[in-house]
Amino acid sequence: MARLQDRRPGFSRRAQYGIFTGYVIAVAGLVAGAALLVVSLVNPGAFASLRGMAGEIARPAGEASAESRATGQSLFSAVGAYFQAGQQNAALRREVAAARANALTLQALQNENRRLKALLGIVDPEVHPVTAARLIGSTAASTRRYAVLSAGSAQGVRPGQPVRSAAGLIGRVIETGPGTARVLLVTDPENVVPVRRARDGLPAFVEGKSDGRIAIRLINMGVNPLKAGDVFVTSGSGGLYPPGIPVAVVTEVLHDGGIGHLASDPADADFVMVLPVFQPAAVAALGASQQAAGPAPDASADGGGN
């Protein structure tokens, strides 16, 4: 018998139930996703335990990826050095000659600084790293900039502790798990770090631009004294970051500050150090004052100005 012309493919009740169920599942997924998004915006710390669990599960894969990345970088560096050995040798000789002269000047300044501190009775506190760990993951293509450490609360890592590499500041810990920790990078727009220019102590602060660069904002407005190549280090203001850690190098001068790049690129950093909070009492006092003033718009950025 020939098929009727007005019979639709969806005439089957089973097919109709399947289409209806698919719509219900899709709508439920959209509603659940919207609810999770609202919760994450209102209370960013609500899913900290889930993120910590995911970090612990992904830790072996992250460590293997970090190891392979470090091996690949070493291999390419060795090949490039082989073909550029002559030029690098000449450049290194010039750098060594300049470094010797700078070392003598630096030694004289250190001796003078030590003598003046002894006269004034100033004693610099000795900072011992909490632990050393490896960066095993990061958000490379996101407006927010985070990294994952291969060390957590079992190694003494706590939220708020600064993280640095041999070249400079990386960020600060915001969440910890038993064996992993989440780090808010300096390039994140919610992370604000007080700094000073290394050569004369000019005060400023840096904030991330979400594209791997950072903005350098001057505290004292007026004639912009910045120059390309200026190095900024942590000032110690706020009590979170110890003073003297390299943070940024100016690459572009603007009318109200400048644009720069990090002294230590997290993508090139393999092992890093977790440092204790510089002045815990000052950080605790600032946190208490912020809680009295009202909740911060983003809990993950609490203390970002320290």
Protein backbone atom coordinates (compact mmCIF):
# COMPACT_ATOMS: atom_id res chain seq x y z
CA MET A 1 0.00 0.00 0.00
CA ALA A 2 1.36 3.44 -0.92
CA ARG A 3 2.33 5.81 1.90
CA LEU A 4 -0.17 8.55 2.64
CA GLN A 5 0.98 12.02 1.59
CA ASP A 6 -0.13 13.72 4.85
CA ARG A 7 1.65 11.29 7.16
CA ARG A 8 4.53 13.15 8.87
CA PRO A 9 7.79 11.49 10.04
CA GLY A 10 6.97 12.59 13.59
CA PHE A 11 3.68 10.71 13.63
CA SER A 12 5.31 7.99 15.76
CA ARG A 13 4.59 8.55 19.46
CA ARG A 14 8.00 7.15 20.37
CA ALA A 15 9.71 9.71 18.11
CA GLN A 16 7.63 12.51 19.63
CA TYR A 17 8.59 11.42 23.15
CA GLY A 18 12.26 11.33 22.08
CA ILE A 19 12.10 14.87 20.66
CA PHE A 20 10.28 16.14 23.74
CA THR A 21 12.82 14.50 26.06
CA GLY A 22 15.66 16.06 24.08
CA TYR A 23 14.12 19.51 24.46
CA VAL A 24 13.62 18.98 28.21
CA ILE A 25 17.23 17.89 28.67
CA ALA A 26 18.52 20.87 26.65
CA VAL A 27 16.42 23.38 28.63
CA ALA A 28 17.44 21.77 31.92
CA GLY A 29 21.11 21.99 30.88
CA LEU A 30 20.75 25.67 30.00
CA VAL A 31 19.03 26.43 33.31
CA ALA A 32 21.68 24.50 35.29
CA GLY A 33 24.50 26.25 33.41
CA ALA A 34 22.97 29.67 34.03
CA ALA A 35 22.52 28.86 37.72
CA LEU A 36 26.15 27.73 38.05
CA LEU A 37 27.31 30.88 36.25
CA VAL A 38 25.32 33.12 38.61
CA VAL A 39 26.68 31.28 41.66
CA SER A 40 30.27 31.56 40.39
CA LEU A 41 29.83 35.32 39.84
CA VAL A 42 28.17 35.98 43.20
CA ASN A 43 30.39 33.66 45.24
CA PRO A 44 33.57 32.66 43.37
CA GLY A 45 34.76 30.52 46.27
CA ALA A 46 31.70 28.25 46.16
CA PHE A 47 33.38 25.77 43.81
CA ALA A 48 36.83 25.91 45.38
CA SER A 49 36.57 22.32 46.62
CA LEU A 50 35.52 21.07 43.18
CA ARG A 51 38.38 22.97 41.51
CA GLY A 52 40.77 21.54 44.08
CA MET A 53 39.51 18.02 43.40
CA ALA A 54 39.87 18.53 39.66
CA GLY A 55 43.38 19.85 40.18
CA GLU A 56 44.35 16.80 42.23
CA ILE A 57 42.99 14.48 39.53
CA ALA A 58 44.79 16.34 36.75
CA ARG A 59 48.06 16.68 38.67
CA PRO A 60 49.86 13.63 37.16
CA ALA A 61 48.99 14.74 33.62
CA GLY A 62 50.07 18.30 34.40
CA GLU A 63 53.41 17.19 35.80
CA ALA A 64 54.04 15.00 32.74
CA SER A 65 53.16 17.92 30.45
CA ALA A 66 55.45 20.28 32.37
CA GLU A 67 58.30 17.78 32.17
CA SER A 68 57.87 17.33 28.42
CA ARG A 69 57.64 21.10 27.91
CA ALA A 70 60.87 21.66 29.85
CA THR A 71 62.61 18.92 27.88
CA GLY A 72 61.46 20.38 24.56
CA GLN A 73 62.58 23.88 25.52
CA SER A 74 66.00 22.56 26.54
CA LEU A 75 66.35 20.68 23.26
CA PHE A 76 65.47 23.69 21.10
CA SER A 77 67.75 25.90 23.19
CA ALA A 78 70.64 23.49 22.72
CA VAL A 79 70.12 23.35 18.94
CA GLY A 80 69.88 27.14 18.67
CA ALA A 81 72.98 27.60 20.83
CA TYR A 82 74.95 25.24 18.58
CA PHE A 83 74.31 27.32 15.48
CA GLN A 84 74.80 30.66 17.26
CA ALA A 85 77.76 29.70 19.44
CA GLY A 86 80.14 32.28 17.95
CA GLN A 87 77.82 35.26 18.35
CA GLN A 88 76.73 34.16 21.82
CA ASN A 89 80.34 33.74 22.91
CA ALA A 90 81.22 37.30 21.87
CA ALA A 91 78.08 38.70 23.49
CA LEU A 92 78.77 36.79 26.71
CA ARG A 93 82.31 38.16 26.85
CA ARG A 94 80.96 41.72 26.64
CA GLU A 95 78.32 40.99 29.29
CA VAL A 96 80.91 39.48 31.63
CA ALA A 97 83.14 42.55 31.30
CA ALA A 98 80.19 44.85 32.06
CA ALA A 99 79.03 42.61 34.92
CA ARG A 100 82.44 42.78 36.58
CA ALA A 101 82.31 46.56 36.69
CA ASN A 102 78.72 46.51 37.95
CA ALA A 103 79.61 43.91 40.58
CA LEU A 104 82.32 46.16 42.03
CA THR A 105 79.90 49.09 42.20
CA LEU A 106 77.20 46.90 43.72
CA GLN A 107 79.60 45.54 46.33
CA ALA A 108 80.54 49.06 47.37
CA LEU A 109 76.88 50.05 47.65
CA GLN A 110 76.06 46.93 49.67
CA ASN A 111 78.89 47.62 52.09
CA GLU A 112 77.74 51.22 52.52
CA ASN A 113 74.14 50.10 52.96
CA ARG A 114 75.17 47.52 55.55
CA ARG A 115 77.18 50.13 57.47
CA LEU A 116 74.29 52.62 57.51
CA LYS A 117 71.81 49.97 58.65
CA ALA A 118 74.16 48.97 61.46
CA LEU A 119 74.38 52.60 62.58
CA LEU A 120 70.58 52.94 62.54
CA GLY A 121 69.97 49.55 64.12
CA ILE A 122 67.93 48.26 61.17
CA VAL A 123 67.70 44.48 60.87
CA ASP A 124 66.28 42.98 57.67
CA PRO A 125 64.09 39.92 58.34
CA GLU A 126 65.38 36.76 56.73
CA VAL A 127 62.81 35.23 54.39
CA HIS A 128 62.73 31.43 54.08
CA PRO A 129 60.67 29.96 51.20
CA VAL A 130 57.71 27.83 52.20
CA THR A 131 58.37 25.32 49.45
CA ALA A 132 59.50 24.91 45.86
CA ALA A 133 57.06 23.57 43.28
CA ARG A 134 56.48 23.26 39.56
CA LEU A 135 53.92 25.12 37.47
CA ILE A 136 51.88 22.31 35.93
CA GLY A 137 49.08 24.26 34.26
CA SER A 138 47.81 27.70 33.32
CA THR A 139 44.98 29.50 31.53
CA ALA A 140 46.65 30.60 28.31
CA ALA A 141 43.54 31.74 26.39
CA SER A 142 41.25 33.34 28.94
CA THR A 143 40.48 36.81 30.26
CA ARG A 144 41.36 35.47 33.72
CA ARG A 145 44.94 34.37 34.37
CA TYR A 146 45.55 31.44 36.70
CA ALA A 147 48.22 28.80 37.13
CA VAL A 148 48.37 25.51 39.04
CA LEU A 149 51.19 24.52 41.38
CA SER A 150 52.29 20.98 42.15
CA ALA A 151 52.24 21.73 45.90
CA GLY A 152 49.39 22.37 48.30
CA SER A 153 48.38 22.50 51.93
CA ALA A 154 50.36 19.33 52.69
CA GLN A 155 53.53 21.28 51.84
CA GLY A 156 52.50 24.34 53.90
CA VAL A 157 51.05 26.40 51.05
CA ARG A 158 48.31 28.80 52.15
CA PRO A 159 46.11 31.35 50.33
CA GLY A 160 47.73 34.76 50.02
CA GLN A 161 51.32 33.57 49.83
CA PRO A 162 53.43 35.12 47.03
CA VAL A 163 54.85 32.93 44.27
CA ARG A 164 58.04 33.87 42.45
CA SER A 165 60.57 32.37 40.08
CA ALA A 166 64.28 33.07 39.91
CA ALA A 167 63.57 35.99 37.54
CA GLY A 168 60.70 37.69 39.33
CA LEU A 169 57.16 37.66 40.70
CA ILE A 170 54.61 35.19 39.30
CA GLY A 171 51.51 35.86 41.42
CA ARG A 172 49.90 34.79 44.67
CA VAL A 173 48.08 31.71 45.94
CA ILE A 174 44.29 32.00 46.14
CA GLU A 175 43.15 28.39 46.66
CA THR A 176 44.84 25.26 47.96
CA GLY A 177 44.21 21.56 47.84
CA PRO A 178 46.15 18.74 49.51
CA GLY A 179 48.72 18.52 46.71
CA THR A 180 47.95 21.41 44.36
CA ALA A 181 47.35 25.15 44.61
CA ARG A 182 45.75 27.76 42.36
CA VAL A 183 47.76 30.90 41.66
CA LEU A 184 46.38 34.27 40.53
CA LEU A 185 49.00 35.53 38.07
CA VAL A 186 50.26 39.10 37.97
CA THR A 187 48.81 39.41 34.44
CA ASP A 188 45.25 38.88 35.74
CA PRO A 189 43.20 42.12 35.63
CA GLU A 190 42.02 41.56 39.23
CA ASN A 191 45.57 41.40 40.59
CA VAL A 192 47.08 44.76 41.58
CA VAL A 193 50.66 44.85 42.90
CA PRO A 194 52.28 47.92 44.52
CA VAL A 195 55.74 48.52 43.04
CA ARG A 196 58.55 51.08 42.90
CA ARG A 197 61.09 51.89 40.23
CA ALA A 198 64.34 50.13 41.03
CA ARG A 199 66.68 53.03 40.35
CA ASP A 200 64.97 55.78 42.33
CA GLY A 201 62.00 54.33 44.23
CA LEU A 202 59.27 56.01 42.15
CA PRO A 203 55.97 54.56 43.54
CA ALA A 204 53.44 52.96 41.23
CA PHE A 205 51.29 49.88 40.91
CA VAL A 206 50.84 47.31 38.16
CA GLU A 207 47.71 45.52 37.00
CA GLY A 208 47.19 42.82 34.41
CA LYS A 209 45.77 43.40 30.93
CA SER A 210 44.63 39.79 30.20
CA ASP A 211 46.87 39.63 27.13
CA GLY A 212 50.14 38.74 28.81
CA ARG A 213 51.14 42.40 29.32
CA ILE A 214 50.67 44.66 32.32
CA ALA A 215 49.74 48.29 32.85
CA ILE A 216 51.96 50.47 35.06
CA ARG A 217 50.02 53.25 36.82
CA LEU A 218 51.80 56.10 38.56
CA ILE A 219 50.60 57.24 41.99
CA ASN A 220 51.80 60.81 41.58
CA MET A 221 50.23 62.25 38.43
CA GLY A 222 52.02 64.93 36.42
CA VAL A 223 54.88 64.76 33.99
CA ASN A 224 55.45 61.12 33.15
CA PRO A 225 59.05 60.25 34.13
CA LEU A 226 58.96 56.68 32.81
CA LYS A 227 61.39 55.46 30.17
CA ALA A 228 61.51 52.27 28.16
CA GLY A 229 63.60 49.74 30.00
CA ASP A 230 62.73 50.95 33.52
CA VAL A 231 62.55 48.04 35.96
CA PHE A 232 59.90 47.94 38.70
CA VAL A 233 60.14 45.79 41.82
CA THR A 234 57.73 45.10 44.67
CA SER A 235 57.62 47.90 47.23
CA GLY A 236 56.39 45.90 50.23
CA SER A 237 53.39 48.20 50.69
CA GLY A 238 50.32 46.44 52.08
CA GLY A 239 52.39 43.66 53.64
CA LEU A 240 51.67 40.89 51.14
CA TYR A 241 54.68 40.83 48.81
CA PRO A 242 58.25 41.13 50.16
CA PRO A 243 60.06 44.19 48.78
CA GLY A 244 62.64 44.00 46.04
CA ILE A 245 61.15 41.23 43.83
CA PRO A 246 61.37 42.16 40.11
CA VAL A 247 57.89 42.54 38.59
CA ALA A 248 57.89 44.43 35.29
CA VAL A 249 59.97 46.12 32.62
CA VAL A 250 58.54 49.15 30.77
CA THR A 251 58.23 48.65 27.02
CA GLU A 252 55.87 51.50 26.05
CA VAL A 253 55.41 54.91 27.70
CA LEU A 254 51.89 56.42 27.91
CA HIS A 255 50.72 59.83 29.12
CA ASP A 256 49.64 58.45 32.52
CA GLY A 257 52.00 55.52 32.95
CA GLY A 258 53.25 52.76 30.75
CA ILE A 259 52.83 49.26 29.35
CA GLY A 260 55.33 46.57 30.17
CA HIS A 261 56.04 42.88 30.24
CA LEU A 262 56.69 40.68 33.23
CA ALA A 263 60.20 40.23 34.51
CA SER A 264 59.34 36.52 34.77
CA ASP A 265 57.03 35.03 32.14
CA PRO A 266 54.97 32.19 33.70
CA ALA A 267 55.09 30.35 30.36
CA ASP A 268 58.88 30.12 30.65
CA ALA A 269 58.97 29.37 34.38
CA ASP A 270 59.35 25.74 35.38
CA PHE A 271 60.08 25.60 39.11
CA VAL A 272 58.95 28.42 41.40
CA MET A 273 59.16 29.28 45.09
CA VAL A 274 56.26 29.95 47.44
CA LEU A 275 57.13 32.68 49.95
CA PRO A 276 55.49 33.51 53.28
CA VAL A 277 53.35 36.63 53.55
CA PHE A 278 55.68 39.57 54.20
CA GLN A 279 53.66 41.19 57.03
CA PRO A 280 50.77 38.92 58.11
CA ALA A 281 49.49 41.42 60.69
CA ALA A 282 49.13 44.19 58.10
CA VAL A 283 47.35 41.85 55.66
CA ALA A 284 44.99 40.64 58.40
CA ALA A 285 44.19 44.22 59.42
CA LEU A 286 43.47 45.17 55.81
CA GLY A 287 41.24 42.12 55.35
CA ALA A 288 39.30 43.00 58.49
CA SER A 289 38.78 46.57 57.31
CA GLN A 290 37.57 45.35 53.91
CA GLN A 291 35.08 42.97 55.55
CA ALA A 292 33.78 45.80 57.72
CA ALA A 293 33.37 48.01 54.64
CA GLY A 294 31.39 45.33 52.78
CA PRO A 295 31.94 42.28 50.59
CA ALA A 296 34.38 42.61 47.70
CA PRO A 297 32.96 42.29 44.15
CA ASP A 298 35.20 39.28 43.52
CA ALA A 299 36.38 37.15 46.39
CA SER A 300 39.26 35.80 44.31
CA ALA A 301 40.63 39.33 44.04
CA ASP A 302 40.53 40.02 47.79
CA GLY A 303 43.80 41.59 48.77
CA GLY A 304 44.81 42.24 45.17
CA GLY A 305 46.03 45.70 46.11
CA ASN A 306 48.54 44.28 48.57
